[in-house]
Amino acid sequence: MGIEQPARLSLCLAADVPVGTMRRFDVPGAGFVALYNVGGDFYATADTCTHSAASLTEGDLDEDFVICPVHFGMFHVPTGEAQGFPVTEDLRTYAVEVEDGVVYVVTVRDPA
């Protein structure tokens, strides 16, 4: 078994995700990832709610919280922290970098 390596993948142009919006991406090695623009800062989490198999990007973004469309569970976007019933398990978060107007997500991949 090798050491896991970081993978930096371009997602989109920063302008494609305006302030106060979110967008879903299928990221190799990570599955569906939600990208959020919260006040001009970009964050990325797993897109699937930890309580139900719902896409969080089909829910609502309220300041720096995302609300699941199924049972209205809420997560803190910057930390992925579950914010109470019915969600109890935090979301996986990913590092995000913006360079020259392009948004990148940093994931970890197993060496080939």
N, C-alpha and C. Protein backbone atom coordinates (compact mmCIF):
# COMPACT_ATOMS: atom_id res chain seq x y z
N MET A 1 0.83 -1.17 0.00
CA MET A 1 0.00 0.00 0.00
C MET A 1 0.88 1.25 0.00
N GLY A 2 0.56 2.22 -0.86
CA GLY A 2 1.32 3.45 -0.94
C GLY A 2 0.69 4.54 -0.11
N ILE A 3 1.36 5.66 -0.11
CA ILE A 3 0.87 6.83 0.60
C ILE A 3 -0.12 7.57 -0.30
N GLU A 4 -1.23 8.01 0.28
CA GLU A 4 -2.22 8.77 -0.49
C GLU A 4 -1.62 10.09 -0.93
N GLN A 5 -1.92 10.50 -2.15
CA GLN A 5 -1.37 11.71 -2.73
C GLN A 5 -2.48 12.74 -2.95
N PRO A 6 -2.19 14.02 -2.73
CA PRO A 6 -3.21 15.04 -3.03
C PRO A 6 -3.39 15.17 -4.54
N ALA A 7 -4.61 15.44 -4.93
CA ALA A 7 -4.94 15.68 -6.33
C ALA A 7 -5.64 17.03 -6.42
N ARG A 8 -5.10 17.91 -7.24
CA ARG A 8 -5.69 19.24 -7.43
C ARG A 8 -6.39 19.25 -8.77
N LEU A 9 -7.71 19.41 -8.73
CA LEU A 9 -8.52 19.33 -9.93
C LEU A 9 -9.27 20.63 -10.17
N SER A 10 -9.25 21.12 -11.41
CA SER A 10 -10.02 22.33 -11.71
C SER A 10 -11.49 21.97 -11.82
N LEU A 11 -12.34 22.82 -11.23
CA LEU A 11 -13.78 22.61 -11.27
C LEU A 11 -14.46 23.53 -12.28
N CYS A 12 -14.17 24.83 -12.19
CA CYS A 12 -14.87 25.79 -13.02
C CYS A 12 -14.21 27.16 -12.86
N LEU A 13 -14.74 28.12 -13.58
CA LEU A 13 -14.33 29.50 -13.35
C LEU A 13 -15.04 30.02 -12.12
N ALA A 14 -14.38 30.86 -11.36
CA ALA A 14 -14.99 31.44 -10.17
C ALA A 14 -16.29 32.16 -10.53
N ALA A 15 -16.32 32.80 -11.68
CA ALA A 15 -17.50 33.55 -12.12
C ALA A 15 -18.71 32.65 -12.38
N ASP A 16 -18.47 31.33 -12.53
CA ASP A 16 -19.57 30.40 -12.78
C ASP A 16 -20.38 30.08 -11.52
N VAL A 17 -19.87 30.47 -10.35
CA VAL A 17 -20.57 30.23 -9.09
C VAL A 17 -20.64 31.57 -8.35
N PRO A 18 -21.68 32.35 -8.65
CA PRO A 18 -21.82 33.68 -8.02
C PRO A 18 -21.99 33.60 -6.50
N VAL A 19 -21.73 34.69 -5.83
CA VAL A 19 -21.90 34.77 -4.37
C VAL A 19 -23.30 34.31 -3.99
N GLY A 20 -23.37 33.47 -2.96
CA GLY A 20 -24.65 32.98 -2.46
C GLY A 20 -25.22 31.80 -3.21
N THR A 21 -24.40 31.17 -4.07
CA THR A 21 -24.88 30.02 -4.82
C THR A 21 -23.97 28.82 -4.58
N MET A 22 -24.42 27.68 -5.07
CA MET A 22 -23.66 26.44 -4.97
C MET A 22 -23.86 25.64 -6.24
N ARG A 23 -22.92 24.73 -6.49
CA ARG A 23 -22.97 23.93 -7.71
C ARG A 23 -22.36 22.56 -7.44
N ARG A 24 -22.89 21.55 -8.09
CA ARG A 24 -22.47 20.15 -7.89
C ARG A 24 -21.52 19.72 -9.00
N PHE A 25 -20.48 18.97 -8.62
CA PHE A 25 -19.51 18.44 -9.56
C PHE A 25 -19.25 16.97 -9.26
N ASP A 26 -19.02 16.19 -10.30
CA ASP A 26 -18.61 14.80 -10.15
C ASP A 26 -17.09 14.79 -10.22
N VAL A 27 -16.43 14.56 -9.10
CA VAL A 27 -14.98 14.65 -8.99
C VAL A 27 -14.38 13.25 -8.93
N PRO A 28 -13.52 12.90 -9.88
CA PRO A 28 -12.89 11.57 -9.85
C PRO A 28 -12.20 11.31 -8.51
N GLY A 29 -12.51 10.18 -7.91
CA GLY A 29 -11.92 9.80 -6.64
C GLY A 29 -12.63 10.35 -5.42
N ALA A 30 -13.54 11.30 -5.61
CA ALA A 30 -14.26 11.89 -4.47
C ALA A 30 -15.77 11.76 -4.60
N GLY A 31 -16.27 11.47 -5.79
CA GLY A 31 -17.71 11.39 -6.00
C GLY A 31 -18.30 12.78 -6.20
N PHE A 32 -19.54 12.96 -5.80
CA PHE A 32 -20.20 14.25 -5.99
C PHE A 32 -19.76 15.23 -4.89
N VAL A 33 -19.31 16.39 -5.33
CA VAL A 33 -18.80 17.44 -4.45
C VAL A 33 -19.63 18.69 -4.68
N ALA A 34 -20.01 19.35 -3.60
CA ALA A 34 -20.72 20.62 -3.68
C ALA A 34 -19.71 21.75 -3.51
N LEU A 35 -19.76 22.71 -4.42
CA LEU A 35 -18.92 23.90 -4.33
C LEU A 35 -19.82 25.07 -3.98
N TYR A 36 -19.44 25.83 -2.96
CA TYR A 36 -20.23 26.95 -2.46
C TYR A 36 -19.44 28.25 -2.58
N ASN A 37 -20.15 29.34 -2.88
CA ASN A 37 -19.55 30.66 -2.83
C ASN A 37 -20.27 31.41 -1.71
N VAL A 38 -19.60 31.55 -0.58
CA VAL A 38 -20.17 32.20 0.60
C VAL A 38 -19.45 33.53 0.79
N GLY A 39 -20.11 34.60 0.41
CA GLY A 39 -19.54 35.93 0.57
C GLY A 39 -18.24 36.14 -0.19
N GLY A 40 -18.07 35.43 -1.29
CA GLY A 40 -16.85 35.55 -2.09
C GLY A 40 -15.78 34.54 -1.74
N ASP A 41 -16.01 33.76 -0.69
CA ASP A 41 -15.08 32.68 -0.32
C ASP A 41 -15.66 31.35 -0.80
N PHE A 42 -14.79 30.50 -1.35
CA PHE A 42 -15.24 29.22 -1.89
C PHE A 42 -14.94 28.10 -0.91
N TYR A 43 -15.91 27.17 -0.79
CA TYR A 43 -15.79 26.00 0.07
C TYR A 43 -16.31 24.79 -0.70
N ALA A 44 -15.84 23.60 -0.32
CA ALA A 44 -16.32 22.37 -0.95
C ALA A 44 -16.56 21.32 0.11
N THR A 45 -17.68 20.60 -0.04
CA THR A 45 -18.02 19.49 0.84
C THR A 45 -18.54 18.35 -0.02
N ALA A 46 -18.70 17.19 0.59
CA ALA A 46 -19.44 16.12 -0.07
C ALA A 46 -20.83 16.66 -0.37
N ASP A 47 -21.40 16.27 -1.51
CA ASP A 47 -22.72 16.78 -1.89
C ASP A 47 -23.86 15.98 -1.29
N THR A 48 -23.60 14.78 -0.82
CA THR A 48 -24.68 13.92 -0.33
C THR A 48 -24.87 14.11 1.17
N CYS A 49 -26.10 14.38 1.56
CA CYS A 49 -26.45 14.54 2.97
C CYS A 49 -26.07 13.27 3.73
N THR A 50 -25.55 13.41 4.93
CA THR A 50 -25.16 12.26 5.74
C THR A 50 -26.35 11.57 6.40
N HIS A 51 -27.53 12.18 6.33
CA HIS A 51 -28.73 11.60 6.92
C HIS A 51 -29.58 10.87 5.89
N SER A 52 -29.66 11.42 4.68
CA SER A 52 -30.42 10.77 3.62
C SER A 52 -29.61 10.89 2.33
N ALA A 53 -29.98 10.15 1.33
CA ALA A 53 -29.22 10.15 0.08
C ALA A 53 -29.62 11.31 -0.82
N ALA A 54 -29.69 12.50 -0.27
CA ALA A 54 -30.13 13.67 -1.03
C ALA A 54 -28.94 14.53 -1.43
N SER A 55 -29.06 15.17 -2.59
CA SER A 55 -28.05 16.12 -3.05
C SER A 55 -28.26 17.45 -2.33
N LEU A 56 -27.24 17.90 -1.62
CA LEU A 56 -27.35 19.16 -0.89
C LEU A 56 -27.51 20.35 -1.82
N THR A 57 -26.95 20.27 -3.03
CA THR A 57 -27.08 21.39 -3.96
C THR A 57 -28.50 21.54 -4.49
N GLU A 58 -29.37 20.59 -4.16
CA GLU A 58 -30.79 20.74 -4.49
C GLU A 58 -31.54 21.40 -3.34
N GLY A 59 -30.82 21.66 -2.25
CA GLY A 59 -31.40 22.32 -1.09
C GLY A 59 -31.17 23.82 -1.16
N ASP A 60 -31.06 24.43 0.00
CA ASP A 60 -30.90 25.89 0.08
C ASP A 60 -29.58 26.24 0.75
N LEU A 61 -29.00 27.35 0.30
CA LEU A 61 -27.82 27.92 0.93
C LEU A 61 -28.28 29.17 1.66
N ASP A 62 -28.12 29.17 2.99
CA ASP A 62 -28.54 30.30 3.82
C ASP A 62 -27.29 30.81 4.54
N GLU A 63 -26.72 31.90 4.00
CA GLU A 63 -25.45 32.44 4.48
C GLU A 63 -24.39 31.35 4.40
N ASP A 64 -23.86 30.85 5.53
CA ASP A 64 -22.84 29.80 5.45
C ASP A 64 -23.37 28.44 5.94
N PHE A 65 -24.66 28.22 5.73
CA PHE A 65 -25.27 26.94 6.04
C PHE A 65 -25.98 26.39 4.81
N VAL A 66 -25.86 25.07 4.61
CA VAL A 66 -26.60 24.42 3.54
C VAL A 66 -27.68 23.57 4.21
N ILE A 67 -28.88 23.61 3.62
CA ILE A 67 -30.03 22.92 4.18
C ILE A 67 -30.46 21.82 3.22
N CYS A 68 -30.50 20.60 3.73
CA CYS A 68 -30.88 19.43 2.93
C CYS A 68 -32.34 19.56 2.49
N PRO A 69 -32.63 19.21 1.22
CA PRO A 69 -34.00 19.34 0.72
C PRO A 69 -34.96 18.26 1.22
N VAL A 70 -34.45 17.21 1.87
CA VAL A 70 -35.33 16.11 2.27
C VAL A 70 -35.90 16.32 3.68
N HIS A 71 -35.05 16.37 4.68
CA HIS A 71 -35.53 16.51 6.06
C HIS A 71 -35.07 17.82 6.70
N PHE A 72 -34.54 18.71 5.89
CA PHE A 72 -34.14 20.05 6.33
C PHE A 72 -33.01 20.05 7.36
N GLY A 73 -32.18 18.98 7.33
CA GLY A 73 -30.97 18.97 8.14
C GLY A 73 -30.04 20.07 7.66
N MET A 74 -29.23 20.61 8.55
CA MET A 74 -28.40 21.75 8.21
C MET A 74 -26.94 21.47 8.55
N PHE A 75 -26.05 21.95 7.67
CA PHE A 75 -24.61 21.79 7.85
C PHE A 75 -23.93 23.16 7.72
N HIS A 76 -22.89 23.38 8.52
CA HIS A 76 -22.07 24.58 8.41
C HIS A 76 -21.10 24.35 7.25
N VAL A 77 -21.20 25.17 6.21
CA VAL A 77 -20.43 24.97 4.99
C VAL A 77 -18.92 25.00 5.21
N PRO A 78 -18.36 26.00 5.89
CA PRO A 78 -16.90 26.03 6.02
C PRO A 78 -16.30 24.83 6.76
N THR A 79 -17.03 24.26 7.72
CA THR A 79 -16.49 23.16 8.52
C THR A 79 -17.11 21.80 8.21
N GLY A 80 -18.27 21.79 7.55
CA GLY A 80 -18.99 20.54 7.31
C GLY A 80 -19.74 20.04 8.52
N GLU A 81 -19.73 20.80 9.61
CA GLU A 81 -20.32 20.35 10.87
C GLU A 81 -21.85 20.25 10.80
N ALA A 82 -22.36 19.08 11.22
CA ALA A 82 -23.81 18.87 11.32
C ALA A 82 -24.36 19.80 12.39
N GLN A 83 -25.52 20.40 12.11
CA GLN A 83 -26.07 21.42 13.01
C GLN A 83 -27.33 20.98 13.73
N GLY A 84 -27.44 19.72 14.05
CA GLY A 84 -28.56 19.25 14.86
C GLY A 84 -29.53 18.38 14.10
N PHE A 85 -30.50 17.87 14.82
CA PHE A 85 -31.48 16.91 14.32
C PHE A 85 -32.06 17.36 12.97
N PRO A 86 -32.20 16.45 12.02
CA PRO A 86 -31.93 15.02 12.10
C PRO A 86 -30.50 14.62 11.72
N VAL A 87 -29.64 15.57 11.36
CA VAL A 87 -28.28 15.20 10.97
C VAL A 87 -27.37 15.17 12.19
N THR A 88 -26.56 14.12 12.26
CA THR A 88 -25.62 13.97 13.37
C THR A 88 -24.19 13.76 12.88
N GLU A 89 -24.03 13.37 11.64
CA GLU A 89 -22.71 13.09 11.08
C GLU A 89 -22.27 14.27 10.20
N ASP A 90 -21.05 14.74 10.43
CA ASP A 90 -20.51 15.87 9.66
C ASP A 90 -20.26 15.48 8.20
N LEU A 91 -20.22 16.49 7.35
CA LEU A 91 -19.86 16.31 5.94
C LEU A 91 -18.35 16.28 5.78
N ARG A 92 -17.89 15.55 4.80
CA ARG A 92 -16.48 15.62 4.44
C ARG A 92 -16.24 16.97 3.74
N THR A 93 -15.15 17.62 4.07
CA THR A 93 -14.81 18.89 3.44
C THR A 93 -13.55 18.71 2.60
N TYR A 94 -13.37 19.62 1.66
CA TYR A 94 -12.21 19.59 0.77
C TYR A 94 -11.59 20.98 0.71
N ALA A 95 -10.29 21.03 0.58
CA ALA A 95 -9.60 22.30 0.41
C ALA A 95 -9.95 22.86 -0.97
N VAL A 96 -10.10 24.18 -1.03
CA VAL A 96 -10.40 24.86 -2.29
C VAL A 96 -9.35 25.93 -2.51
N GLU A 97 -8.89 26.05 -3.75
CA GLU A 97 -7.94 27.09 -4.13
C GLU A 97 -8.49 27.81 -5.34
N VAL A 98 -8.31 29.13 -5.39
CA VAL A 98 -8.69 29.92 -6.55
C VAL A 98 -7.42 30.57 -7.08
N GLU A 99 -7.17 30.33 -8.35
CA GLU A 99 -5.96 30.85 -8.98
C GLU A 99 -6.31 31.32 -10.39
N ASP A 100 -5.99 32.58 -10.67
CA ASP A 100 -6.26 33.16 -11.99
C ASP A 100 -7.71 32.98 -12.41
N GLY A 101 -8.64 33.11 -11.45
CA GLY A 101 -10.06 33.02 -11.75
C GLY A 101 -10.60 31.62 -11.91
N VAL A 102 -9.77 30.60 -11.66
CA VAL A 102 -10.20 29.21 -11.77
C VAL A 102 -10.28 28.62 -10.37
N VAL A 103 -11.35 27.87 -10.10
CA VAL A 103 -11.54 27.22 -8.80
C VAL A 103 -11.05 25.77 -8.90
N TYR A 104 -10.20 25.41 -7.94
CA TYR A 104 -9.66 24.06 -7.85
C TYR A 104 -10.09 23.44 -6.54
N VAL A 105 -10.33 22.12 -6.56
CA VAL A 105 -10.59 21.37 -5.34
C VAL A 105 -9.40 20.43 -5.15
N VAL A 106 -9.00 20.26 -3.88
CA VAL A 106 -7.89 19.38 -3.56
C VAL A 106 -8.47 18.15 -2.85
N THR A 107 -8.27 17.00 -3.46
CA THR A 107 -8.75 15.75 -2.89
C THR A 107 -7.54 14.87 -2.62
N VAL A 108 -7.78 13.71 -2.06
CA VAL A 108 -6.71 12.73 -1.83
C VAL A 108 -7.04 11.51 -2.66
N ARG A 109 -6.02 10.99 -3.35
CA ARG A 109 -6.24 9.81 -4.17
C ARG A 109 -5.24 8.74 -3.76
N ASP A 110 -5.63 7.49 -3.95
CA ASP A 110 -4.73 6.38 -3.69
C ASP A 110 -3.75 6.28 -4.85
N PRO A 111 -2.48 6.00 -4.58
CA PRO A 111 -1.53 5.87 -5.68
C PRO A 111 -1.88 4.68 -6.55
N ALA A 112 -1.60 4.79 -7.82
CA ALA A 112 -1.92 3.71 -8.77
C ALA A 112 -0.91 2.59 -8.68
